[in-house]
Amino acid sequence: MDLSVVVPTLNARDELTGCLDALAEHAPDAEVLVVNGPSADGTTGMIRERDDVDVLIELADRTVNAARNAGIDRAHGETIALVNHTLSITEGWRAAVREGLQRADVVSGPTRTLPDGAVVRGAENRQIAGRAITFLNAGNMAFQREVSETLDGFDEYLQIGGARDFAHRLAGNEFTTTWTEEMSVTRGVEADGGELEVDRGWKYRSLAYRLVKNYNLRPTVLRRLLGHAAGDAGSELRAVFRGESRPSQWFGAGRDVVTNLARGAKDGLAARRRDGGPRRNPNGRSTRTDRAVTVYDWR
C-alpha cells in the first residue's frame, strides 16, 4: 500500500513528537507530511532535526482544513491518511487501514485515552434526508486519492466541522465508509484529538452551513438546527437557575447562537448556488494556490 500520512499541527511540539515517533515505529515506510500552521513553539526546528519527516509545509493560515488540503496537495501516495498532531497510531493501525480500504473507500477508527484505553471518540451514524452518514474521527481517517480528487478536499470556509462536512459529501457522492476498531489511535488524558479549535459561534455557524449547503433549507434541516439550539438554551437556562450563570450570559449566548445560525445558513445557501453538483465544495483544494509559505521537501 502506497501510503501518505498528513499531520496538521499548531503549537503542539511535544505532542507532535509523540505522534511522529509512533508513525516511525508503526508505519516506517509511509510518506509523512507535517503541515505547520504556523507554530511559535519551535516546531519547525524540531522537525528539521528529524530524519523521518518527508515534507514540512509552513502555512500562514491557521485553519485545520487549509492544513489538510495543503498536505493532500503534496502527498504522493494513492492512499492518504490524516492523523491529528496530538494522537499516536498503534501497532495494528497500518494493517487496519489497508484492510479497511479493501472494503470501503474511506476508513476511520477510534481514539483511546492512555493509560486506561477507554474510547473517547467512537463510531457515530446518522440518517439525514434519506442519506446514511458515517461520521469520521477527525484525527484518524484514511481514504483513496480518488475520494479527495472527487470531493476537491476539505471545505476551507469551515474553521471546525470539516470532517463532518466531508462525511456528508462522501455519502452524497455514494462513496462507502467503514469503521474499524483496529485502526485505533491513542492520546494522553490532557490532549485533544479532534479539531484544532472550537468556539460556540463557529459550532452553530458550521452546523447551519454544512446542513444547508448539503441538504438545502428543508424541514428536517430546520428541525435539526432548532433542536440543537433549544438543547443548548435549556442547558444554559438551567445553569442560571442553579446560580452558575447570569441571565445576561444566557441572553448573550442566545443572541450568538441565532446570529451564527443565520449567518451559516445564508453562507450555506450561497455555497450551494456556487457549487450545485454533488461535490458541494466551492472552497476546496482547487480554489487556492497560496496556502504554503515555505515547503521543505526531503524526498
C-alpha atoms as a PDB file:
ATOM      1  CA  MET A   1       0.000   0.000   0.000  1.00  0.00           C
ATOM      2  CA  ASP A   2       1.380   3.372  -1.107  1.00  0.00           C
ATOM      3  CA  LEU A   3       0.563   5.462   2.000  1.00  0.00           C
ATOM      4  CA  SER A   4       0.974   9.176   2.736  1.00  0.00           C
ATOM      5  CA  VAL A   5       0.212  10.458   6.245  1.00  0.00           C
ATOM      6  CA  VAL A   6      -0.676  14.144   6.632  1.00  0.00           C
ATOM      7  CA  VAL A   7      -0.272  15.619  10.140  1.00  0.00           C
ATOM      8  CA  PRO A   8      -1.657  19.158  10.627  1.00  0.00           C
ATOM      9  CA  THR A   9      -0.126  20.863  13.664  1.00  0.00           C
ATOM     10  CA  LEU A  10      -0.274  24.118  15.589  1.00  0.00           C
ATOM     11  CA  ASN A  11       1.758  24.919  18.725  1.00  0.00           C
ATOM     12  CA  ALA A  12       1.962  21.338  19.986  1.00  0.00           C
ATOM     13  CA  ARG A  13       5.612  20.396  19.633  1.00  0.00           C
ATOM     14  CA  ASP A  14       5.705  17.865  22.457  1.00  0.00           C
ATOM     15  CA  GLU A  15       2.526  16.057  21.366  1.00  0.00           C
ATOM     16  CA  LEU A  16       3.687  16.163  17.732  1.00  0.00           C
ATOM     17  CA  THR A  17       6.949  14.485  18.740  1.00  0.00           C
ATOM     18  CA  GLY A  18       4.976  11.554  20.161  1.00  0.00           C
ATOM     19  CA  CYS A  19       2.809  11.388  17.032  1.00  0.00           C
ATOM     20  CA  LEU A  20       5.858  11.262  14.739  1.00  0.00           C
ATOM     21  CA  ASP A  21       7.638   8.703  16.944  1.00  0.00           C
ATOM     22  CA  ALA A  22       4.600   6.396  16.668  1.00  0.00           C
ATOM     23  CA  LEU A  23       4.461   6.811  12.877  1.00  0.00           C
ATOM     24  CA  ALA A  24       8.163   5.992  12.624  1.00  0.00           C
ATOM     25  CA  GLU A  25       7.639   2.860  14.732  1.00  0.00           C
ATOM     26  CA  HIS A  26       4.393   1.503  13.284  1.00  0.00           C
ATOM     27  CA  ALA A  27       4.406   2.864   9.701  1.00  0.00           C
ATOM     28  CA  PRO A  28       8.097   3.332   8.892  1.00  0.00           C
ATOM     29  CA  ASP A  29       7.632   3.159   5.109  1.00  0.00           C
ATOM     30  CA  ALA A  30       4.822   5.726   4.958  1.00  0.00           C
ATOM     31  CA  GLU A  31       5.419   9.157   3.470  1.00  0.00           C
ATOM     32  CA  VAL A  32       4.979  11.664   6.339  1.00  0.00           C
ATOM     33  CA  LEU A  33       3.932  15.260   5.670  1.00  0.00           C
ATOM     34  CA  VAL A  34       3.683  17.755   8.545  1.00  0.00           C
ATOM     35  CA  VAL A  35       1.656  20.904   7.914  1.00  0.00           C
ATOM     36  CA  ASN A  36       2.601  23.621  10.390  1.00  0.00           C
ATOM     37  CA  GLY A  37       0.056  26.372  10.647  1.00  0.00           C
ATOM     38  CA  PRO A  38       2.143  28.447  11.879  1.00  0.00           C
ATOM     39  CA  SER A  39       3.551  27.471  15.307  1.00  0.00           C
ATOM     40  CA  ALA A  40       5.562  29.667  17.652  1.00  0.00           C
ATOM     41  CA  ASP A  41       6.965  26.911  19.891  1.00  0.00           C
ATOM     42  CA  GLY A  42       9.975  25.653  17.939  1.00  0.00           C
ATOM     43  CA  THR A  43       8.041  23.080  15.906  1.00  0.00           C
ATOM     44  CA  THR A  44       9.914  23.909  12.687  1.00  0.00           C
ATOM     45  CA  GLY A  45      13.332  23.416  14.255  1.00  0.00           C
ATOM     46  CA  MET A  46      12.277  20.151  15.891  1.00  0.00           C
ATOM     47  CA  ILE A  47      11.033  18.722  12.586  1.00  0.00           C
ATOM     48  CA  ARG A  48      14.114  19.819  10.644  1.00  0.00           C
ATOM     49  CA  GLU A  49      16.275  17.871  13.103  1.00  0.00           C
ATOM     50  CA  ARG A  50      14.384  14.614  12.417  1.00  0.00           C
ATOM     51  CA  ASP A  51      15.047  12.220   9.540  1.00  0.00           C
ATOM     52  CA  ASP A  52      11.583  10.590   9.485  1.00  0.00           C
ATOM     53  CA  VAL A  53       9.553  13.516   8.087  1.00  0.00           C
ATOM     54  CA  ASP A  54       9.477  13.698   4.294  1.00  0.00           C
ATOM     55  CA  VAL A  55       7.828  17.093   3.820  1.00  0.00           C
ATOM     56  CA  LEU A  56       7.295  20.097   6.087  1.00  0.00           C
ATOM     57  CA  ILE A  57       4.781  22.654   4.837  1.00  0.00           C
ATOM     58  CA  GLU A  58       4.643  26.030   6.578  1.00  0.00           C
ATOM     59  CA  LEU A  59       1.344  27.929   6.354  1.00  0.00           C
ATOM     60  CA  ALA A  60       0.181  31.415   7.234  1.00  0.00           C
ATOM     61  CA  ASP A  61      -3.429  30.164   7.522  1.00  0.00           C
ATOM     62  CA  ARG A  62      -4.214  28.712  10.985  1.00  0.00           C
ATOM     63  CA  THR A  63      -7.312  26.704   9.966  1.00  0.00           C
ATOM     64  CA  VAL A  64      -7.210  22.925  10.017  1.00  0.00           C
ATOM     65  CA  ASN A  65      -8.971  22.454   6.666  1.00  0.00           C
ATOM     66  CA  ALA A  66      -6.415  24.615   4.867  1.00  0.00           C
ATOM     67  CA  ALA A  67      -3.712  22.485   6.521  1.00  0.00           C
ATOM     68  CA  ARG A  68      -5.404  19.257   5.418  1.00  0.00           C
ATOM     69  CA  ASN A  69      -5.696  20.477   1.836  1.00  0.00           C
ATOM     70  CA  ALA A  70      -2.090  21.700   1.772  1.00  0.00           C
ATOM     71  CA  GLY A  71      -0.892  18.265   2.867  1.00  0.00           C
ATOM     72  CA  ILE A  72      -3.091  16.449   0.353  1.00  0.00           C
ATOM     73  CA  ASP A  73      -1.769  18.765  -2.383  1.00  0.00           C
ATOM     74  CA  ARG A  74       1.785  17.484  -1.871  1.00  0.00           C
ATOM     75  CA  ALA A  75       1.139  13.867  -0.896  1.00  0.00           C
ATOM     76  CA  HIS A  76       2.389  11.298  -3.403  1.00  0.00           C
ATOM     77  CA  GLY A  77       0.588   8.224  -2.034  1.00  0.00           C
ATOM     78  CA  GLU A  78      -2.514   6.711  -3.579  1.00  0.00           C
ATOM     79  CA  THR A  79      -3.766   6.238  -0.010  1.00  0.00           C
ATOM     80  CA  ILE A  80      -3.883   9.367   2.150  1.00  0.00           C
ATOM     81  CA  ALA A  81      -4.321   9.321   5.923  1.00  0.00           C
ATOM     82  CA  LEU A  82      -4.961  12.270   8.217  1.00  0.00           C
ATOM     83  CA  VAL A  83      -3.691  11.976  11.795  1.00  0.00           C
ATOM     84  CA  ASN A  84      -4.090  14.662  14.454  1.00  0.00           C
ATOM     85  CA  HIS A  85      -0.861  16.007  15.918  1.00  0.00           C
ATOM     86  CA  THR A  86      -1.835  15.016  19.480  1.00  0.00           C
ATOM     87  CA  LEU A  87      -2.507  11.376  18.601  1.00  0.00           C
ATOM     88  CA  SER A  88      -0.306   8.299  18.255  1.00  0.00           C
ATOM     89  CA  ILE A  89      -1.082   5.408  15.935  1.00  0.00           C
ATOM     90  CA  THR A  90      -0.963   1.905  17.402  1.00  0.00           C
ATOM     91  CA  GLU A  91       0.702  -1.314  16.269  1.00  0.00           C
ATOM     92  CA  GLY A  92      -2.244  -2.577  14.216  1.00  0.00           C
ATOM     93  CA  TRP A  93      -3.145   0.786  12.691  1.00  0.00           C
ATOM     94  CA  ARG A  94      -1.420   0.402   9.345  1.00  0.00           C
ATOM     95  CA  ALA A  95      -2.813  -3.078   8.692  1.00  0.00           C
ATOM     96  CA  ALA A  96      -6.284  -1.847   9.653  1.00  0.00           C
ATOM     97  CA  VAL A  97      -6.033   0.980   7.120  1.00  0.00           C
ATOM     98  CA  ARG A  98      -5.101  -1.468   4.377  1.00  0.00           C
ATOM     99  CA  GLU A  99      -7.842  -3.937   5.255  1.00  0.00           C
ATOM    100  CA  GLY A 100     -10.474  -1.226   5.727  1.00  0.00           C
ATOM    101  CA  LEU A 101      -9.794   0.259   2.311  1.00  0.00           C
ATOM    102  CA  GLN A 102     -10.297  -3.140   0.734  1.00  0.00           C
ATOM    103  CA  ARG A 103     -13.908  -2.974   1.971  1.00  0.00           C
ATOM    104  CA  ALA A 104     -14.699   0.725   1.530  1.00  0.00           C
ATOM    105  CA  ASP A 105     -13.453   3.994   0.026  1.00  0.00           C
ATOM    106  CA  VAL A 106     -12.842   5.611   3.412  1.00  0.00           C
ATOM    107  CA  VAL A 107     -11.899   4.115   6.769  1.00  0.00           C
ATOM    108  CA  SER A 108     -11.795   5.605  10.261  1.00  0.00           C
ATOM    109  CA  GLY A 109     -11.271   4.322  13.795  1.00  0.00           C
ATOM    110  CA  PRO A 110     -11.490   5.240  17.476  1.00  0.00           C
ATOM    111  CA  THR A 111      -9.393   7.416  19.735  1.00  0.00           C
ATOM    112  CA  ARG A 112      -8.480   5.894  23.107  1.00  0.00           C
ATOM    113  CA  THR A 113      -7.023   7.536  26.193  1.00  0.00           C
ATOM    114  CA  LEU A 114      -3.887   6.427  27.954  1.00  0.00           C
ATOM    115  CA  PRO A 115      -3.290   4.676  30.245  1.00  0.00           C
ATOM    116  CA  ASP A 116      -6.738   3.057  30.573  1.00  0.00           C
ATOM    117  CA  GLY A 117      -7.509   2.664  26.853  1.00  0.00           C
ATOM    118  CA  ALA A 118     -11.086   3.930  27.196  1.00  0.00           C
ATOM    119  CA  VAL A 119     -12.711   5.015  23.937  1.00  0.00           C
ATOM    120  CA  VAL A 120     -13.239   8.783  23.834  1.00  0.00           C
ATOM    121  CA  ARG A 121     -14.263   9.008  20.189  1.00  0.00           C
ATOM    122  CA  GLY A 122     -16.136   6.109  18.648  1.00  0.00           C
ATOM    123  CA  ALA A 123     -18.395   5.387  15.700  1.00  0.00           C
ATOM    124  CA  GLU A 124     -21.306   7.758  15.049  1.00  0.00           C
ATOM    125  CA  ASN A 125     -24.021   7.260  12.441  1.00  0.00           C
ATOM    126  CA  ARG A 126     -26.944   9.449  11.372  1.00  0.00           C
ATOM    127  CA  GLN A 127     -29.785   9.287   8.864  1.00  0.00           C
ATOM    128  CA  ILE A 128     -30.381  12.684   7.235  1.00  0.00           C
ATOM    129  CA  ALA A 129     -32.798  13.305   4.358  1.00  0.00           C
ATOM    130  CA  GLY A 130     -32.694   9.620   3.461  1.00  0.00           C
ATOM    131  CA  ARG A 131     -28.904   9.594   3.413  1.00  0.00           C
ATOM    132  CA  ALA A 132     -26.924   7.314   5.749  1.00  0.00           C
ATOM    133  CA  ILE A 133     -23.958   9.199   7.206  1.00  0.00           C
ATOM    134  CA  THR A 134     -20.998   7.575   8.956  1.00  0.00           C
ATOM    135  CA  PHE A 135     -19.091  10.358  10.671  1.00  0.00           C
ATOM    136  CA  LEU A 136     -15.315  10.190  10.706  1.00  0.00           C
ATOM    137  CA  ASN A 137     -12.869  10.611  13.554  1.00  0.00           C
ATOM    138  CA  ALA A 138     -11.400  13.974  12.516  1.00  0.00           C
ATOM    139  CA  GLY A 139      -7.949  12.984  13.758  1.00  0.00           C
ATOM    140  CA  ASN A 140      -7.859   9.433  12.386  1.00  0.00           C
ATOM    141  CA  MET A 141      -9.052   8.709   8.855  1.00  0.00           C
ATOM    142  CA  ALA A 142      -7.747   7.366   5.557  1.00  0.00           C
ATOM    143  CA  PHE A 143      -9.073   7.370   2.003  1.00  0.00           C
ATOM    144  CA  GLN A 144      -8.096   6.684  -1.572  1.00  0.00           C
ATOM    145  CA  ARG A 145      -6.763   9.632  -3.571  1.00  0.00           C
ATOM    146  CA  GLU A 146      -9.772   9.352  -5.885  1.00  0.00           C
ATOM    147  CA  VAL A 147     -12.013  10.379  -2.985  1.00  0.00           C
ATOM    148  CA  SER A 148     -10.147  13.625  -2.387  1.00  0.00           C
ATOM    149  CA  GLU A 149      -9.996  14.396  -6.104  1.00  0.00           C
ATOM    150  CA  THR A 150     -13.736  13.899  -6.489  1.00  0.00           C
ATOM    151  CA  LEU A 151     -14.655  15.974  -3.427  1.00  0.00           C
ATOM    152  CA  ASP A 152     -11.900  18.576  -4.011  1.00  0.00           C
ATOM    153  CA  GLY A 153     -10.583  18.020  -0.496  1.00  0.00           C
ATOM    154  CA  PHE A 154     -11.999  19.834   2.526  1.00  0.00           C
ATOM    155  CA  ASP A 155     -14.161  22.969   2.592  1.00  0.00           C
ATOM    156  CA  GLU A 156     -11.955  25.828   3.797  1.00  0.00           C
ATOM    157  CA  TYR A 157     -14.896  28.033   4.742  1.00  0.00           C
ATOM    158  CA  LEU A 158     -15.187  25.886   7.873  1.00  0.00           C
ATOM    159  CA  GLN A 159     -12.933  26.523  10.856  1.00  0.00           C
ATOM    160  CA  ILE A 160     -14.444  23.489  12.594  1.00  0.00           C
ATOM    161  CA  GLY A 161     -16.639  20.639  11.405  1.00  0.00           C
ATOM    162  CA  GLY A 162     -14.667  19.999   8.233  1.00  0.00           C
ATOM    163  CA  ALA A 163     -14.539  16.248   8.777  1.00  0.00           C
ATOM    164  CA  ARG A 164     -18.302  16.114   9.370  1.00  0.00           C
ATOM    165  CA  ASP A 165     -18.929  18.075   6.181  1.00  0.00           C
ATOM    166  CA  PHE A 166     -16.581  15.658   4.389  1.00  0.00           C
ATOM    167  CA  ALA A 167     -18.720  12.747   5.657  1.00  0.00           C
ATOM    168  CA  HIS A 168     -21.920  14.354   4.320  1.00  0.00           C
ATOM    169  CA  ARG A 169     -20.318  14.832   0.922  1.00  0.00           C
ATOM    170  CA  LEU A 170     -18.938  11.291   0.890  1.00  0.00           C
ATOM    171  CA  ALA A 171     -22.452   9.948   1.279  1.00  0.00           C
ATOM    172  CA  GLY A 172     -23.789  12.375  -1.316  1.00  0.00           C
ATOM    173  CA  ASN A 173     -21.282  11.058  -3.843  1.00  0.00           C
ATOM    174  CA  GLU A 174     -22.011   7.427  -2.909  1.00  0.00           C
ATOM    175  CA  PHE A 175     -18.558   6.725  -1.505  1.00  0.00           C
ATOM    176  CA  THR A 176     -18.566   3.976   1.113  1.00  0.00           C
ATOM    177  CA  THR A 177     -17.221   4.415   4.647  1.00  0.00           C
ATOM    178  CA  THR A 178     -16.243   1.776   7.171  1.00  0.00           C
ATOM    179  CA  TRP A 179     -15.254   1.973  10.829  1.00  0.00           C
ATOM    180  CA  THR A 180     -12.782  -0.460  12.369  1.00  0.00           C
ATOM    181  CA  GLU A 181     -11.747  -0.747  15.997  1.00  0.00           C
ATOM    182  CA  GLU A 182      -8.293  -1.999  14.988  1.00  0.00           C
ATOM    183  CA  MET A 183      -7.489   1.371  13.388  1.00  0.00           C
ATOM    184  CA  SER A 184      -7.111   2.975  16.784  1.00  0.00           C
ATOM    185  CA  VAL A 185      -5.042   5.927  17.917  1.00  0.00           C
ATOM    186  CA  THR A 186      -4.189   6.964  21.458  1.00  0.00           C
ATOM    187  CA  ARG A 187      -3.828  10.244  23.267  1.00  0.00           C
ATOM    188  CA  GLY A 188      -2.896  11.397  26.741  1.00  0.00           C
ATOM    189  CA  VAL A 189      -5.738  12.463  29.004  1.00  0.00           C
ATOM    190  CA  GLU A 190      -4.847  16.157  28.642  1.00  0.00           C
ATOM    191  CA  ALA A 191      -4.639  16.184  24.840  1.00  0.00           C
ATOM    192  CA  ASP A 192      -7.422  16.953  22.385  1.00  0.00           C
ATOM    193  CA  GLY A 193      -7.631  14.652  19.397  1.00  0.00           C
ATOM    194  CA  GLY A 194     -10.346  16.478  17.482  1.00  0.00           C
ATOM    195  CA  GLU A 195     -10.449  19.740  15.573  1.00  0.00           C
ATOM    196  CA  LEU A 196      -7.770  22.303  16.319  1.00  0.00           C
ATOM    197  CA  GLU A 197     -10.079  24.996  17.721  1.00  0.00           C
ATOM    198  CA  VAL A 198     -13.726  25.135  18.830  1.00  0.00           C
ATOM    199  CA  ASP A 199     -15.984  28.028  19.892  1.00  0.00           C
ATOM    200  CA  ARG A 200     -19.726  28.377  20.336  1.00  0.00           C
ATOM    201  CA  GLY A 201     -20.181  30.776  17.429  1.00  0.00           C
ATOM    202  CA  TRP A 202     -18.405  28.563  14.951  1.00  0.00           C
ATOM    203  CA  LYS A 203     -20.170  25.483  16.289  1.00  0.00           C
ATOM    204  CA  TYR A 204     -23.520  26.852  15.145  1.00  0.00           C
ATOM    205  CA  ARG A 205     -22.276  28.601  12.014  1.00  0.00           C
ATOM    206  CA  SER A 206     -20.594  25.389  10.896  1.00  0.00           C
ATOM    207  CA  LEU A 207     -23.657  23.280  11.687  1.00  0.00           C
ATOM    208  CA  ALA A 208     -26.019  25.540   9.716  1.00  0.00           C
ATOM    209  CA  TYR A 209     -23.577  25.957   6.840  1.00  0.00           C
ATOM    210  CA  ARG A 210     -22.902  22.277   6.232  1.00  0.00           C
ATOM    211  CA  LEU A 211     -26.532  21.158   6.629  1.00  0.00           C
ATOM    212  CA  VAL A 212     -27.941  23.888   4.367  1.00  0.00           C
ATOM    213  CA  LYS A 213     -25.135  23.505   1.836  1.00  0.00           C
ATOM    214  CA  ASN A 214     -25.635  19.753   1.582  1.00  0.00           C
ATOM    215  CA  TYR A 215     -29.424  19.442   2.014  1.00  0.00           C
ATOM    216  CA  ASN A 216     -30.927  22.913   1.397  1.00  0.00           C
ATOM    217  CA  LEU A 217     -33.421  24.578   3.768  1.00  0.00           C
ATOM    218  CA  ARG A 218     -35.730  21.608   4.065  1.00  0.00           C
ATOM    219  CA  PRO A 219     -37.902  20.973   7.168  1.00  0.00           C
ATOM    220  CA  THR A 220     -35.620  18.226   8.511  1.00  0.00           C
ATOM    221  CA  VAL A 221     -32.670  20.623   8.431  1.00  0.00           C
ATOM    222  CA  LEU A 222     -34.604  23.360  10.227  1.00  0.00           C
ATOM    223  CA  ARG A 223     -35.712  20.876  12.892  1.00  0.00           C
ATOM    224  CA  ARG A 224     -32.136  19.790  13.498  1.00  0.00           C
ATOM    225  CA  LEU A 225     -30.863  23.357  13.771  1.00  0.00           C
ATOM    226  CA  LEU A 226     -33.629  24.407  16.139  1.00  0.00           C
ATOM    227  CA  GLY A 227     -33.228  21.217  18.186  1.00  0.00           C
ATOM    228  CA  HIS A 228     -29.509  21.869  18.733  1.00  0.00           C
ATOM    229  CA  ALA A 229     -30.171  25.497  19.671  1.00  0.00           C
ATOM    230  CA  ALA A 230     -33.002  24.595  22.058  1.00  0.00           C
ATOM    231  CA  GLY A 231     -30.874  21.949  23.776  1.00  0.00           C
ATOM    232  CA  ASP A 232     -28.052  24.403  24.474  1.00  0.00           C
ATOM    233  CA  ALA A 233     -30.505  27.115  25.520  1.00  0.00           C
ATOM    234  CA  GLY A 234     -32.099  24.736  28.011  1.00  0.00           C
ATOM    235  CA  SER A 235     -28.724  23.776  29.473  1.00  0.00           C
ATOM    236  CA  GLU A 236     -27.730  27.411  29.867  1.00  0.00           C
ATOM    237  CA  LEU A 237     -31.073  28.318  31.445  1.00  0.00           C
ATOM    238  CA  ARG A 238     -30.737  25.504  33.994  1.00  0.00           C
ATOM    239  CA  ALA A 239     -27.307  26.885  34.861  1.00  0.00           C
ATOM    240  CA  VAL A 240     -28.939  30.275  35.518  1.00  0.00           C
ATOM    241  CA  PHE A 241     -31.476  28.700  37.880  1.00  0.00           C
ATOM    242  CA  ARG A 242     -28.669  26.899  39.734  1.00  0.00           C
ATOM    243  CA  GLY A 243     -26.832  30.169  40.152  1.00  0.00           C
ATOM    244  CA  GLU A 244     -23.937  29.019  37.997  1.00  0.00           C
ATOM    245  CA  SER A 245     -24.601  31.603  35.286  1.00  0.00           C
ATOM    246  CA  ARG A 246     -26.216  35.019  34.936  1.00  0.00           C
ATOM    247  CA  PRO A 247     -29.321  35.881  32.873  1.00  0.00           C
ATOM    248  CA  SER A 248     -27.218  38.304  30.816  1.00  0.00           C
ATOM    249  CA  GLN A 249     -24.953  35.418  29.832  1.00  0.00           C
ATOM    250  CA  TRP A 250     -27.961  33.359  28.781  1.00  0.00           C
ATOM    251  CA  PHE A 251     -29.283  36.209  26.610  1.00  0.00           C
ATOM    252  CA  GLY A 252     -25.840  36.836  25.140  1.00  0.00           C
ATOM    253  CA  ALA A 253     -25.339  33.180  24.325  1.00  0.00           C
ATOM    254  CA  GLY A 254     -28.770  33.018  22.702  1.00  0.00           C
ATOM    255  CA  ARG A 255     -28.011  36.061  20.574  1.00  0.00           C
ATOM    256  CA  ASP A 256     -24.728  34.481  19.422  1.00  0.00           C
ATOM    257  CA  VAL A 257     -26.479  31.226  18.559  1.00  0.00           C
ATOM    258  CA  VAL A 258     -29.203  32.924  16.499  1.00  0.00           C
ATOM    259  CA  THR A 259     -26.695  35.196  14.735  1.00  0.00           C
ATOM    260  CA  ASN A 260     -24.395  32.358  13.771  1.00  0.00           C
ATOM    261  CA  LEU A 261     -27.212  30.030  12.710  1.00  0.00           C
ATOM    262  CA  ALA A 262     -28.493  32.743  10.389  1.00  0.00           C
ATOM    263  CA  ARG A 263     -25.048  33.531   9.020  1.00  0.00           C
ATOM    264  CA  GLY A 264     -24.194  29.865   8.494  1.00  0.00           C
ATOM    265  CA  ALA A 265     -27.499  29.207   6.727  1.00  0.00           C
ATOM    266  CA  LYS A 266     -27.027  32.250   4.487  1.00  0.00           C
ATOM    267  CA  ASP A 267     -23.477  31.213   3.589  1.00  0.00           C
ATOM    268  CA  GLY A 268     -24.597  27.603   3.080  1.00  0.00           C
ATOM    269  CA  LEU A 269     -27.206  28.708   0.540  1.00  0.00           C
ATOM    270  CA  ALA A 270     -24.575  30.806  -1.246  1.00  0.00           C
ATOM    271  CA  ALA A 271     -22.182  27.843  -1.298  1.00  0.00           C
ATOM    272  CA  ARG A 272     -24.951  25.616  -2.662  1.00  0.00           C
ATOM    273  CA  ARG A 273     -25.513  28.066  -5.524  1.00  0.00           C
ATOM    274  CA  ARG A 274     -21.784  28.299  -6.272  1.00  0.00           C
ATOM    275  CA  ASP A 275     -21.344  24.520  -6.431  1.00  0.00           C
ATOM    276  CA  GLY A 276     -24.635  22.913  -7.357  1.00  0.00           C
ATOM    277  CA  GLY A 277     -23.184  19.495  -8.123  1.00  0.00           C
ATOM    278  CA  PRO A 278     -22.764  16.588  -5.704  1.00  0.00           C
ATOM    279  CA  ARG A 279     -19.252  17.725  -4.733  1.00  0.00           C
ATOM    280  CA  ARG A 280     -20.700  20.693  -2.765  1.00  0.00           C
ATOM    281  CA  ASN A 281     -17.318  22.328  -2.197  1.00  0.00           C
ATOM    282  CA  PRO A 282     -16.898  25.869  -3.531  1.00  0.00           C
ATOM    283  CA  ASN A 283     -13.983  26.453  -1.120  1.00  0.00           C
ATOM    284  CA  GLY A 284     -11.919  23.340  -1.819  1.00  0.00           C
ATOM    285  CA  ARG A 285      -8.365  22.456  -2.798  1.00  0.00           C
ATOM    286  CA  SER A 286      -8.648  23.742  -6.354  1.00  0.00           C
ATOM    287  CA  THR A 287      -9.674  27.260  -5.307  1.00  0.00           C
ATOM    288  CA  ARG A 288      -6.269  28.264  -3.882  1.00  0.00           C
ATOM    289  CA  THR A 289      -2.583  28.008  -4.744  1.00  0.00           C
ATOM    290  CA  ASP A 290      -1.238  30.264  -1.988  1.00  0.00           C
ATOM    291  CA  ARG A 291      -1.577  28.095   1.136  1.00  0.00           C
ATOM    292  CA  ALA A 292       2.098  27.270   1.606  1.00  0.00           C
ATOM    293  CA  VAL A 293       4.557  29.967   2.681  1.00  0.00           C
ATOM    294  CA  THR A 294       7.567  27.628   2.778  1.00  0.00           C
ATOM    295  CA  VAL A 295       7.968  23.950   1.816  1.00  0.00           C
ATOM    296  CA  TYR A 296      10.857  21.744   2.927  1.00  0.00           C
ATOM    297  CA  ASP A 297      10.797  18.647   0.719  1.00  0.00           C
ATOM    298  CA  TRP A 298      13.357  15.974   1.651  1.00  0.00           C
ATOM    299  CA  ARG A 299      12.042  13.204  -0.612  1.00  0.00           C
END
